[in-house]
Protein backbone atom coordinates (compact mmCIF):
# COMPACT_ATOMS: atom_id res chain seq x y z
CA MET A 1 103.25 71.33 -93.50
CA ARG A 2 103.33 67.97 -91.80
CA LEU A 3 105.11 66.56 -88.77
CA ARG A 4 103.47 69.20 -86.59
CA PRO A 5 103.79 69.83 -82.86
CA PHE A 6 101.00 68.22 -80.89
CA PRO A 7 99.33 67.64 -77.56
CA PRO A 8 98.82 63.99 -76.63
CA ILE A 9 95.45 62.41 -77.35
CA THR A 10 92.69 61.74 -74.98
CA VAL A 11 89.50 59.92 -75.83
CA ALA A 12 87.69 63.18 -75.16
CA ASP A 13 90.22 65.50 -76.75
CA ARG A 14 92.70 64.47 -79.49
CA LEU A 15 95.81 62.56 -80.42
CA PRO A 16 99.24 63.97 -81.08
CA GLY A 17 100.03 63.72 -84.67
CA GLY A 18 102.46 65.86 -86.30
CA ARG A 19 100.65 69.18 -86.68
CA ARG A 20 100.01 72.05 -84.36
CA ALA A 21 98.24 71.62 -81.05
CA ARG A 22 94.63 72.12 -82.06
CA ARG A 23 91.47 70.44 -80.93
CA THR A 24 89.52 68.05 -83.11
CA ARG A 25 86.25 69.54 -84.34
CA SER A 26 82.92 68.11 -85.40
CA ARG A 27 82.19 68.25 -89.11
CA ALA A 28 79.28 67.73 -91.48
CA ALA A 29 78.90 64.35 -93.14
CA ILE A 30 80.39 64.43 -96.64
CA ALA A 31 81.28 62.10 -99.48
CA LEU A 32 84.13 59.59 -99.62
CA ALA A 33 85.52 58.07 -102.79
CA ALA A 34 83.45 55.23 -104.20
CA ALA A 35 85.29 51.97 -104.80
CA LEU A 36 85.55 52.54 -108.54
CA ILE A 37 85.27 56.33 -108.99
CA PRO A 38 87.21 59.34 -107.70
CA VAL A 39 85.55 61.50 -105.08
CA THR A 40 83.92 64.72 -106.21
CA ALA A 41 82.75 67.67 -104.20
CA ALA A 42 79.05 66.90 -104.72
CA ALA A 43 79.15 63.10 -104.89
CA PRO A 44 76.76 61.08 -102.72
CA ALA A 45 78.44 59.13 -99.93
CA PRO A 46 79.12 55.61 -101.24
CA ALA A 47 79.77 52.43 -99.32
CA VAL A 48 83.35 51.90 -98.16
CA ALA A 49 84.82 48.56 -99.16
CA THR A 50 86.02 46.48 -96.21
CA GLY A 51 88.14 43.40 -95.82
CA SER A 52 89.52 41.30 -93.00
CA ALA A 53 93.21 40.42 -92.79
CA ARG A 54 93.23 38.82 -89.35
CA ALA A 55 95.10 35.74 -90.53
CA ALA A 56 98.05 37.69 -91.81
CA PHE A 57 100.00 38.25 -88.59
CA SER A 58 100.73 36.76 -85.18
CA ASN A 59 102.68 37.93 -82.17
CA GLY A 60 103.75 37.08 -78.63
CA THR A 61 101.03 35.76 -76.38
CA ALA A 62 98.55 35.99 -79.23
CA ASP A 63 100.07 33.37 -81.51
CA GLY A 64 97.57 33.97 -84.22
CA PRO A 65 94.19 35.42 -85.05
CA ALA A 66 91.17 34.40 -83.06
CA ASP A 67 88.85 31.75 -84.48
CA ALA A 68 86.08 34.37 -84.60
CA ASP A 69 85.94 38.13 -84.80
CA PRO A 70 86.21 39.85 -81.40
CA PRO A 71 82.96 41.16 -79.90
CA PHE A 72 83.71 44.74 -80.90
CA ALA A 73 84.41 43.96 -84.58
CA GLU A 74 80.98 44.52 -86.13
CA THR A 75 80.19 47.73 -84.29
CA LEU A 76 83.69 49.13 -84.74
CA THR A 77 83.73 48.39 -88.47
CA THR A 78 80.37 50.10 -88.97
CA ASP A 79 81.47 53.11 -86.94
CA LEU A 80 84.79 53.36 -88.79
CA VAL A 81 83.08 53.31 -92.18
CA ALA A 82 80.72 56.09 -91.13
CA LEU A 83 83.55 58.20 -89.72
CA MET A 84 85.70 57.70 -92.83
CA GLN A 85 82.82 58.91 -94.96
CA ARG A 86 82.51 62.06 -92.87
CA LEU A 87 86.26 62.68 -92.88
CA ARG A 88 86.74 61.85 -96.58
CA VAL A 89 89.51 59.36 -95.82
CA PRO A 90 90.23 57.29 -98.96
CA GLY A 91 91.63 54.23 -97.18
CA ALA A 92 92.52 52.95 -93.73
CA ILE A 93 94.12 49.91 -92.13
CA VAL A 94 93.07 49.35 -88.51
CA ALA A 95 94.61 46.74 -86.22
CA VAL A 96 93.81 45.68 -82.66
CA ARG A 97 95.84 42.99 -80.92
CA THR A 98 94.90 41.67 -77.47
CA PRO A 99 95.81 38.56 -75.44
CA GLN A 100 92.14 37.56 -75.40
CA TRP A 101 91.31 37.95 -79.09
CA GLY A 102 94.59 37.71 -80.94
CA THR A 103 95.05 40.00 -83.92
CA TRP A 104 92.16 41.69 -85.72
CA ILE A 105 93.00 43.74 -88.81
CA GLN A 106 90.41 45.54 -90.90
CA THR A 107 91.10 47.16 -94.27
CA LEU A 108 88.71 49.91 -95.32
CA GLY A 109 88.38 51.89 -98.54
CA THR A 110 90.84 52.30 -101.39
CA GLU A 111 94.59 52.60 -101.85
CA ASN A 112 94.17 54.40 -105.18
CA LEU A 113 91.42 56.89 -105.95
CA GLN A 114 91.94 56.52 -109.70
CA SER A 115 91.69 52.75 -109.91
CA GLY A 116 89.49 52.21 -106.87
CA ALA A 117 91.63 49.22 -105.86
CA PRO A 118 90.93 48.19 -102.25
CA ILE A 119 93.58 48.97 -99.68
CA ARG A 120 95.49 45.89 -98.47
CA ALA A 121 97.04 44.95 -95.14
CA ALA A 122 100.37 44.43 -96.91
CA ASP A 123 100.45 47.98 -98.30
CA HIS A 124 103.41 50.15 -97.33
CA MET A 125 102.80 53.68 -96.09
CA ARG A 126 104.92 56.53 -94.81
CA VAL A 127 104.65 56.61 -91.01
CA GLY A 128 105.94 60.13 -90.39
CA SER A 129 106.87 60.90 -86.80
CA ILE A 130 106.71 57.28 -85.69
CA THR A 131 110.24 57.47 -87.13
CA LYS A 132 111.18 59.47 -84.02
CA THR A 133 110.68 56.37 -81.89
CA PHE A 134 113.25 54.53 -84.04
CA THR A 135 115.78 57.37 -83.87
CA GLY A 136 115.21 57.75 -80.14
CA THR A 137 115.74 54.02 -79.57
CA VAL A 138 119.07 54.09 -81.41
CA ILE A 139 120.20 56.99 -79.21
CA LEU A 140 119.09 55.24 -76.03
CA GLN A 141 120.93 52.09 -77.06
CA LEU A 142 124.08 54.19 -77.48
CA VAL A 143 123.49 55.52 -73.97
CA GLN A 144 123.12 51.93 -72.78
CA GLU A 145 126.44 51.08 -74.43
CA GLY A 146 128.16 53.92 -72.56
CA ARG A 147 128.90 55.90 -75.71
CA LEU A 148 127.10 59.00 -74.43
CA SER A 149 124.96 60.12 -71.49
CA LEU A 150 121.47 61.57 -71.43
CA ASP A 151 122.94 64.53 -69.56
CA ASP A 152 125.70 65.18 -72.09
CA THR A 153 125.21 68.38 -74.05
CA VAL A 154 124.62 68.29 -77.77
CA GLY A 155 127.28 70.98 -78.14
CA SER A 156 129.91 68.50 -76.94
CA TYR A 157 129.34 66.53 -80.13
CA LEU A 158 127.85 69.02 -82.60
CA PRO A 159 129.48 72.39 -81.86
CA ASP A 160 127.44 74.49 -84.30
CA VAL A 161 124.15 74.16 -82.38
CA PRO A 162 123.13 77.54 -80.92
CA ASN A 163 123.38 77.36 -77.12
CA GLY A 164 124.32 73.71 -77.62
CA ARG A 165 126.53 73.72 -74.51
CA ASN A 166 123.33 74.11 -72.46
CA ILE A 167 121.06 71.64 -74.32
CA THR A 168 121.21 68.03 -73.18
CA ILE A 169 120.51 64.85 -75.12
CA ARG A 170 117.57 64.24 -72.77
CA GLN A 171 116.08 67.61 -73.73
CA LEU A 172 116.37 66.81 -77.44
CA LEU A 173 114.56 63.49 -76.90
CA GLN A 174 111.91 65.06 -74.67
CA MET A 175 111.22 68.13 -76.84
CA THR A 176 112.30 70.55 -74.11
CA SER A 177 115.37 72.03 -75.85
CA GLY A 178 113.54 75.16 -77.03
CA LEU A 179 115.11 74.87 -80.51
CA TYR A 180 112.95 76.28 -83.32
CA ASN A 181 111.08 73.72 -85.40
CA TYR A 182 112.30 74.22 -88.97
CA SER A 183 109.05 72.79 -90.36
CA GLU A 184 107.16 75.83 -89.03
CA ASP A 185 109.13 78.22 -91.24
CA LEU A 186 106.79 79.87 -93.78
CA GLU A 187 109.31 80.17 -96.62
CA PHE A 188 110.29 76.52 -96.19
CA ASN A 189 106.63 75.51 -96.47
CA ARG A 190 106.29 77.61 -99.60
CA ALA A 191 109.30 75.86 -101.11
CA LEU A 192 107.79 72.46 -100.32
CA ASP A 193 104.63 73.45 -102.20
CA GLU A 194 106.42 74.98 -105.19
CA ARG A 195 109.29 72.49 -105.50
CA PRO A 196 108.08 69.21 -103.94
CA GLN A 197 110.90 67.13 -105.46
CA THR A 198 113.71 69.08 -103.79
CA ARG A 199 116.09 66.90 -101.79
CA TYR A 200 117.13 68.26 -98.39
CA THR A 201 120.11 67.39 -96.23
CA PRO A 202 120.17 67.67 -92.42
CA ALA A 203 122.43 70.69 -92.85
CA ASP A 204 119.77 72.38 -94.99
CA LEU A 205 117.15 71.82 -92.32
CA LEU A 206 119.33 72.97 -89.44
CA LYS A 207 120.24 76.15 -91.29
CA ILE A 208 116.52 77.03 -91.39
CA ALA A 209 116.06 76.20 -87.72
CA PHE A 210 119.10 78.08 -86.47
CA ALA A 211 118.07 81.27 -88.28
CA HIS A 212 115.24 81.60 -85.74
CA ASP A 213 115.35 82.45 -82.06
CA PRO A 214 114.59 79.59 -79.67
CA TYR A 215 111.12 79.28 -78.13
CA PHE A 216 112.53 79.27 -74.57
CA ALA A 217 115.68 78.49 -72.60
CA PRO A 218 116.65 74.78 -72.51
CA GLY A 219 114.51 72.81 -70.07
CA CYS A 220 112.07 75.68 -69.48
CA GLY A 221 109.15 74.44 -71.57
CA TYR A 222 107.86 71.92 -74.10
CA HIS A 223 107.64 72.52 -77.85
CA TYR A 224 107.49 69.68 -80.36
CA SER A 225 110.35 70.31 -82.80
CA ASN A 226 111.63 68.16 -85.63
CA THR A 227 114.95 69.98 -85.29
CA ASN A 228 115.63 67.98 -82.11
CA THR A 229 115.37 64.66 -83.92
CA ILE A 230 117.42 65.77 -86.92
CA LEU A 231 120.22 66.52 -84.45
CA LEU A 232 119.79 63.12 -82.79
CA GLY A 233 120.12 61.43 -86.17
CA LEU A 234 123.37 63.27 -86.86
CA LEU A 235 124.63 62.37 -83.40
CA ALA A 236 123.89 58.66 -83.96
CA GLU A 237 125.78 58.74 -87.25
CA GLN A 238 128.75 60.54 -85.69
CA LEU A 239 129.04 58.05 -82.83
CA THR A 240 128.60 54.91 -84.91
CA GLY A 241 130.25 55.95 -88.17
CA HIS A 242 127.28 54.49 -90.06
CA PRO A 243 124.18 55.95 -91.75
CA LEU A 244 121.20 56.14 -89.42
CA ALA A 245 119.23 53.81 -91.70
CA GLU A 246 121.85 51.07 -91.23
CA GLU A 247 121.80 51.47 -87.46
CA MET A 248 118.00 51.21 -87.41
CA GLN A 249 118.20 48.12 -89.58
CA HIS A 250 120.55 46.08 -87.43
CA ARG A 251 119.49 47.47 -84.04
CA ILE A 252 115.69 47.47 -84.47
CA PHE A 253 114.25 46.12 -87.70
CA GLU A 254 116.25 42.89 -87.96
CA PRO A 255 115.97 41.84 -84.29
CA LEU A 256 112.21 42.39 -84.30
CA GLY A 257 111.57 40.82 -87.70
CA MET A 258 110.38 44.12 -89.18
CA HIS A 259 111.32 43.16 -92.72
CA GLU A 260 108.97 45.66 -94.39
CA THR A 261 110.26 48.76 -92.59
CA SER A 262 112.92 51.01 -94.07
CA MET A 263 114.51 54.43 -94.16
CA PRO A 264 114.78 54.85 -97.94
CA SER A 265 117.83 56.34 -99.62
CA ASP A 266 115.51 57.93 -102.18
CA GLY A 267 112.89 60.10 -100.50
CA THR A 268 110.37 59.63 -103.31
CA VAL A 269 110.03 55.83 -103.62
CA LEU A 270 107.85 53.45 -101.60
CA PRO A 271 108.34 49.66 -101.76
CA ALA A 272 105.59 47.70 -103.50
CA PRO A 273 102.83 47.19 -102.66
CA TYR A 274 101.98 50.64 -101.38
CA ALA A 275 98.96 52.83 -100.81
CA HIS A 276 98.87 56.17 -102.63
CA GLY A 277 98.89 59.17 -100.30
CA TYR A 278 96.51 62.14 -100.69
CA GLU A 279 96.21 65.67 -99.34
CA PHE A 280 93.48 68.29 -99.46
CA ILE A 281 95.50 71.18 -97.98
CA ASN A 282 98.93 72.34 -99.12
CA ASN A 283 101.81 73.03 -96.77
CA VAL A 284 101.44 76.81 -96.49
CA ASP A 285 97.71 76.61 -95.86
CA SER A 286 98.23 73.80 -93.35
CA LEU A 287 100.73 75.97 -91.51
CA THR A 288 98.70 79.16 -91.38
CA ALA A 289 95.00 78.26 -91.57
CA PRO A 290 93.02 77.38 -88.43
CA VAL A 291 91.13 74.13 -88.00
CA LEU A 292 87.58 75.03 -89.01
CA THR A 293 84.40 74.41 -87.06
CA GLU A 294 80.67 74.08 -87.62
CA LYS A 295 79.42 75.81 -90.81
CA ASP A 296 82.95 76.74 -91.93
CA ALA A 297 84.03 73.12 -91.56
CA ALA A 298 80.98 71.86 -93.42
CA TRP A 299 81.61 74.23 -96.31
CA ALA A 300 85.30 73.30 -96.47
CA ASP A 301 84.42 69.63 -96.56
CA TRP A 302 81.80 70.03 -99.25
CA SER A 303 83.82 72.36 -101.48
CA ALA A 304 87.24 70.68 -101.18
CA GLY A 305 87.01 68.74 -104.44
CA ASN A 306 89.47 65.97 -105.23
CA PRO A 307 92.52 65.53 -103.02
CA LYS A 308 95.96 65.73 -104.61
CA ASP A 309 98.09 62.60 -105.02
CA VAL A 310 101.34 63.33 -103.15
CA THR A 311 102.65 59.77 -102.93
CA HIS A 312 105.98 60.53 -104.55
CA VAL A 313 106.87 63.98 -103.22
CA ASN A 314 110.36 63.99 -101.77
CA ALA A 315 110.26 63.20 -98.04
CA SER A 316 113.96 63.87 -97.42
CA TRP A 317 113.02 67.03 -95.51
CA THR A 318 111.77 64.80 -92.68
CA GLY A 319 114.93 62.66 -92.30
CA ALA A 320 115.47 61.18 -88.83
CA ALA A 321 112.24 62.85 -87.71
CA GLY A 322 109.84 61.26 -90.18
CA GLU A 323 111.14 59.47 -93.29
CA ALA A 324 110.42 55.82 -92.36
CA ILE A 325 108.10 53.58 -94.38
CA SER A 326 106.37 50.55 -92.89
CA THR A 327 103.33 48.25 -92.85
CA VAL A 328 100.67 47.44 -90.29
CA GLY A 329 102.29 44.07 -89.57
CA ASP A 330 105.66 45.62 -88.75
CA ILE A 331 104.17 48.41 -86.64
CA LEU A 332 102.21 45.79 -84.70
CA ARG A 333 105.55 44.20 -83.86
CA TRP A 334 107.06 47.55 -82.91
CA ALA A 335 104.28 48.85 -80.66
CA PRO A 336 104.76 46.41 -77.75
CA ALA A 337 108.54 46.36 -78.17
CA LEU A 338 108.63 50.15 -77.82
CA ALA A 339 106.22 50.36 -74.88
CA ASN A 340 107.75 47.45 -72.97
CA GLY A 341 111.36 48.42 -73.62
CA ASP A 342 112.30 45.12 -75.29
CA LEU A 343 115.45 46.65 -76.80
CA LEU A 344 116.53 48.58 -73.69
CA SER A 345 117.51 47.84 -70.11
CA PRO A 346 114.76 48.23 -67.47
CA GLU A 347 116.61 51.22 -66.01
CA LEU A 348 116.79 53.02 -69.34
CA GLN A 349 113.16 52.21 -70.15
CA ARG A 350 112.16 53.87 -66.89
CA GLU A 351 114.05 56.96 -68.05
CA ARG A 352 112.27 56.77 -71.39
CA LEU A 353 108.87 56.69 -69.71
CA THR A 354 109.48 59.82 -67.64
CA PHE A 355 106.94 62.19 -69.20
CA VAL A 356 106.72 65.97 -69.30
CA PRO A 357 103.35 67.71 -69.78
CA THR A 358 102.59 68.84 -73.32
CA THR A 359 99.69 71.17 -72.58
CA ASN A 360 99.15 74.17 -70.33
CA PRO A 361 97.51 73.60 -67.94
CA PRO A 362 98.80 70.00 -67.83
CA SER A 363 96.28 67.43 -69.04
CA GLY A 364 97.83 64.51 -67.19
CA LEU A 365 99.39 63.24 -70.41
CA GLY A 366 102.90 63.80 -71.63
CA TYR A 367 105.92 63.22 -73.82
CA GLY A 368 108.86 61.05 -72.79
CA LEU A 369 112.10 60.21 -74.58
CA ALA A 370 110.74 59.97 -78.14
CA ILE A 371 107.51 58.37 -76.92
CA ALA A 372 104.10 59.73 -75.88
CA ASP A 373 101.55 58.62 -73.31
CA PHE A 374 98.01 58.42 -74.70
CA ARG A 375 96.21 57.66 -71.43
CA GLY A 376 97.91 54.31 -71.01
CA PHE A 377 98.64 53.57 -74.66
CA LEU A 378 102.34 54.32 -75.08
CA GLY A 379 103.53 55.11 -78.59
CA HIS A 380 103.49 57.85 -81.20
CA THR A 381 101.59 59.34 -84.10
CA GLY A 382 102.86 60.36 -87.51
CA GLN A 383 101.65 62.92 -90.03
CA ILE A 384 103.43 63.53 -93.31
CA SER A 385 102.21 64.58 -96.74
CA GLY A 386 99.62 62.00 -97.81
CA TYR A 387 99.69 59.81 -94.69
CA ASN A 388 98.62 59.81 -91.04
CA SER A 389 99.35 57.08 -88.50
CA PHE A 390 99.07 55.97 -84.87
CA GLU A 391 100.71 53.18 -82.92
CA GLY A 392 100.25 52.51 -79.23
CA HIS A 393 100.52 49.67 -76.73
CA ASP A 394 98.98 49.53 -73.26
CA PRO A 395 101.20 47.31 -71.08
CA SER A 396 98.49 46.90 -68.44
CA LEU A 397 96.11 45.48 -71.05
CA GLY A 398 98.75 43.78 -73.16
CA ALA A 399 96.93 45.40 -76.08
CA SER A 400 98.15 47.21 -79.19
CA VAL A 401 96.36 49.55 -81.59
CA VAL A 402 97.65 50.62 -85.01
CA VAL A 403 95.82 52.94 -87.43
CA LEU A 404 97.25 53.84 -90.85
CA VAL A 405 95.43 56.12 -93.31
CA ASN A 406 96.37 57.49 -96.71
CA THR A 407 95.54 61.15 -96.19
CA ASN A 408 97.27 63.47 -93.77
CA GLN A 409 94.58 66.06 -93.21
CA VAL A 410 90.87 66.34 -93.83
CA PRO A 411 89.39 69.42 -95.54
CA ASP A 412 88.61 71.26 -92.30
CA GLY A 413 92.26 70.99 -91.25
CA ALA A 414 92.12 68.20 -88.64
CA ALA A 415 94.26 65.05 -88.62
CA PRO A 416 91.99 62.05 -89.40
CA VAL A 417 93.89 59.50 -87.32
CA ASP A 418 92.98 61.43 -84.16
CA GLN A 419 89.29 60.69 -84.44
CA LEU A 420 89.72 57.21 -85.92
CA THR A 421 91.99 56.12 -83.07
CA GLN A 422 89.68 57.60 -80.45
CA LEU A 423 86.89 55.54 -81.99
CA VAL A 424 88.94 52.33 -82.01
CA ILE A 425 89.90 52.70 -78.35
CA ALA A 426 86.35 53.57 -77.32
CA ASP A 427 84.72 50.67 -79.20
CA ALA A 428 87.37 48.01 -78.56
CA PHE A 429 88.15 48.72 -74.91
CA HIS A 430 85.18 50.64 -73.50
CA HIS A 431 82.29 48.79 -75.14
């Protein structure tokens, strides 16, 4: 199951992504798909095709790409290729934008294991829980407009929420409501595996969540729960009288020029061009199996065989918590806007950036109002069947990092974007 709970990333530990809070493990080097052949369990590790797309985008103080690659480009590309081979990631799009060097985008590997076609910077991918930052921004804009308060209770608007009279909007945004995460339900995961084209409504998802006891009393802990964001999406629709997708479009995507980002009405279709999404581990196994280490991890990697193409499974079960589709160019526009509060008042952005610890004992990192702090890079990760993503912006550096990959989990159970993003930050900013 994707869209998991997470601890925030550290360069030494791991990123939040959408699965359970588990630490990234080392793994044996294994094969990645060759450019023109599908990967096999015993295939030798081939070269990963690379391509530069620096000229494709510009933004803000960096009006365009630099005249030459930044100093970290060669080393980072080599390191990324080697790591992708070990993780068996079919394709990745990596972007770094800084005031000094403009925009550097590197495409690595393939968007289609059958054809071997190289992945492109223009390819659309599902971005999973990055969607939460869009939903959260809509809610915060409604707060800014005086249509609700962060300290209002969800039960004042949606009366069927268990203990809703004691759960505030702030707690939903900050993952401190205690409400059960429907995507951790075993039978629901089994249904996703057996009937992947089923379409789910928010009511379907909430029924699963509300059948379980809460993790803790409201405000008495942190637990990443997609249920919170499903409720926020319903609240936005109730207050505006419009579908959430329409509100995102005119409040976020249009003002920022994010013309390739959408919340699709059909949960199975991606706009062209798109990268195919792959998974090695089904939902039930992802939910119940531990992340493997050492010899177990090496064996899992070697014996995994071909990943399954899950591009067109129905993503409606993620809704306001994870159904958005985007491109690297659009997410590069979003990362600084989110971190700097471009669409909010300074006062409300300060509220947004009030973080609660996500680990026990606290690691010094935390989760705010639908945003996470990755040691200075403010943003979010996303993990959904077939795709894994990261976006973050460090206001002190004026720098953004975006990583998009077309597999959600590597054979040993870890989320690939964790290690890839750690590598990007280490090579680009600590070289």
